[in-house]
Protein backbone atom coordinates (compact mmCIF):
# COMPACT_ATOMS: atom_id res chain seq x y z
CA UNK A 1 101.91 -26.15 200.13
CA UNK A 2 105.26 -25.32 202.51
CA UNK A 3 105.25 -22.23 204.48
CA UNK A 4 108.52 -22.49 205.87
CA UNK A 5 109.00 -21.22 209.77
CA UNK A 6 110.83 -21.99 212.53
CA UNK A 7 107.79 -23.54 213.14
CA UNK A 8 107.36 -25.53 209.81
CA UNK A 9 111.35 -26.08 210.43
CA UNK A 10 111.70 -27.93 214.07
CA UNK A 11 108.24 -30.19 213.01
CA UNK A 12 110.81 -31.43 209.69
CA UNK A 13 113.98 -31.77 211.79
CA UNK A 14 111.66 -33.64 214.45
CA UNK A 15 109.92 -36.16 212.15
CA UNK A 16 113.12 -36.76 210.08
CA UNK A 17 114.80 -37.42 213.47
CA UNK A 18 112.24 -40.11 214.67
CA UNK A 19 112.81 -41.48 210.93
CA UNK A 20 116.80 -42.32 211.71
CA UNK A 21 117.59 -45.65 213.07
CA UNK A 22 119.50 -44.68 215.84
CA UNK A 23 117.55 -42.01 217.36
CA UNK A 24 114.53 -45.16 217.27
CA UNK A 25 116.07 -47.20 219.33
CA UNK A 26 116.89 -44.84 221.82
CA UNK A 27 113.88 -44.91 224.67
CA UNK A 28 115.76 -41.43 225.61
CA UNK A 29 115.28 -40.01 222.03
CA UNK A 30 112.25 -40.82 221.23
CA UNK A 31 110.61 -40.44 224.08
CA UNK A 32 111.71 -36.35 224.13
CA UNK A 33 110.38 -35.82 220.97
CA UNK A 34 106.50 -37.56 221.45
CA UNK A 35 103.88 -35.84 223.53
CA UNK A 36 102.69 -36.99 226.56
CA UNK A 37 99.33 -37.69 224.41
CA UNK A 38 100.89 -39.36 221.84
CA UNK A 39 99.15 -41.07 219.30
CA UNK A 40 99.54 -43.32 216.22
CA UNK A 41 97.85 -45.89 213.25
CA UNK A 42 100.59 -47.53 211.89
CA UNK A 43 100.90 -48.84 208.48
CA UNK A 44 100.21 -52.18 209.93
CA UNK A 45 96.93 -51.31 211.11
CA UNK A 46 98.14 -51.24 214.76
CA UNK A 47 96.94 -47.62 217.25
CA UNK A 48 100.00 -46.97 219.64
CA UNK A 49 100.12 -44.92 222.33
CA UNK A 50 103.04 -42.70 223.71
CA UNK A 51 104.76 -46.09 226.42
CA UNK A 52 103.92 -48.47 223.63
CA UNK A 53 105.27 -46.37 220.18
CA UNK A 54 108.05 -46.00 222.62
CA UNK A 55 108.73 -49.65 223.60
CA UNK A 56 108.35 -51.30 220.63
CA UNK A 57 110.78 -48.52 218.76
CA UNK A 58 113.47 -49.66 221.34
CA UNK A 59 113.25 -53.74 220.55
CA UNK A 60 113.65 -53.11 217.07
CA UNK A 61 116.77 -54.94 215.97
CA UNK A 62 119.68 -52.94 216.34
CA UNK A 63 121.15 -54.97 212.94
CA UNK A 64 118.12 -53.49 211.55
CA UNK A 65 119.34 -50.71 210.27
CA UNK A 66 117.64 -49.87 207.67
CA UNK A 67 116.74 -46.38 206.51
CA UNK A 68 113.73 -44.53 205.07
CA UNK A 69 113.66 -42.57 202.31
CA UNK A 70 111.26 -39.26 202.41
CA UNK A 71 109.64 -37.71 199.26
CA UNK A 72 106.77 -35.06 199.14
CA UNK A 73 107.49 -33.65 202.33
CA UNK A 74 104.61 -30.55 202.11
CA UNK A 75 104.33 -28.82 206.06
CA UNK A 76 101.19 -25.99 206.55
CA UNK A 77 100.93 -24.52 209.75
CA UNK A 78 98.12 -24.63 210.72
CA UNK A 79 97.38 -22.79 214.06
CA UNK A 80 100.15 -20.79 216.38
CA UNK A 81 101.58 -24.34 217.89
CA UNK A 82 100.00 -26.42 214.92
CA UNK A 83 102.12 -27.60 212.63
CA UNK A 84 100.80 -30.18 209.85
CA UNK A 85 103.07 -32.46 208.21
CA UNK A 86 102.11 -35.11 205.14
CA UNK A 87 104.78 -36.97 203.37
CA UNK A 88 105.98 -40.51 201.69
CA UNK A 89 108.71 -43.11 203.00
CA UNK A 90 110.07 -45.83 201.02
CA UNK A 91 111.88 -48.57 203.26
CA UNK A 92 112.70 -51.35 201.46
CA UNK A 93 109.68 -51.24 198.30
CA UNK A 94 107.72 -50.68 201.61
CA UNK A 95 105.93 -47.24 200.85
CA UNK A 96 103.75 -45.39 203.10
CA UNK A 97 101.66 -42.18 202.81
CA UNK A 98 102.29 -40.49 206.48
CA UNK A 99 100.96 -37.35 207.73
CA UNK A 100 101.83 -35.87 211.14
CA UNK A 101 100.73 -33.46 214.04
CA UNK A 102 103.48 -31.00 215.49
CA UNK A 103 102.15 -29.33 219.04
CA UNK A 104 104.83 -26.36 220.36
CA UNK A 105 105.35 -27.06 224.34
CA UNK A 106 106.63 -25.53 226.60
CA UNK A 107 109.76 -28.39 226.27
CA UNK A 108 109.75 -27.69 222.48
CA UNK A 109 107.89 -29.36 219.47
CA UNK A 110 106.67 -32.48 220.21
CA UNK A 111 104.80 -35.10 217.56
CA UNK A 112 101.26 -35.30 218.60
CA UNK A 113 99.66 -37.72 215.92
CA UNK A 114 100.83 -39.71 213.41
CA UNK A 115 99.43 -41.67 210.67
CA UNK A 116 100.51 -44.27 207.94
CA UNK A 117 99.12 -45.33 205.29
CA UNK A 118 100.87 -48.42 203.11
CA UNK A 119 100.59 -47.83 199.35
CA UNK A 120 101.27 -50.34 196.76
CA UNK A 121 104.18 -49.02 193.92
CA UNK A 122 104.12 -50.31 190.21
CA UNK A 123 101.41 -50.73 187.21
CA UNK A 124 97.62 -50.57 189.24
């Protein structure tokens, strides 16, 4: 279920921006979208904080402009100032279920928490 409103639209726009290769390589652009207390549990199993994910993304190979394909985006405003997104991604055959919490701050909507869980495709 997706409850569409300005909060949901802002969270979805921010999430899609963070999946764009040119945004991901810009510490300023990524930093503007991440909450100061950001935490991520990545598809690799690694835990990331705000500083470590900004550094890792800035170091991505510039020639590796692989885009993410997003499907099944669902959004729910859990409370004033809090939006939960769930969706799947495919990046060159690597699939992940994703969950994000976006919080509203004085600076706008910021990604507070993200988790990616890889999943196989094809016959089970």
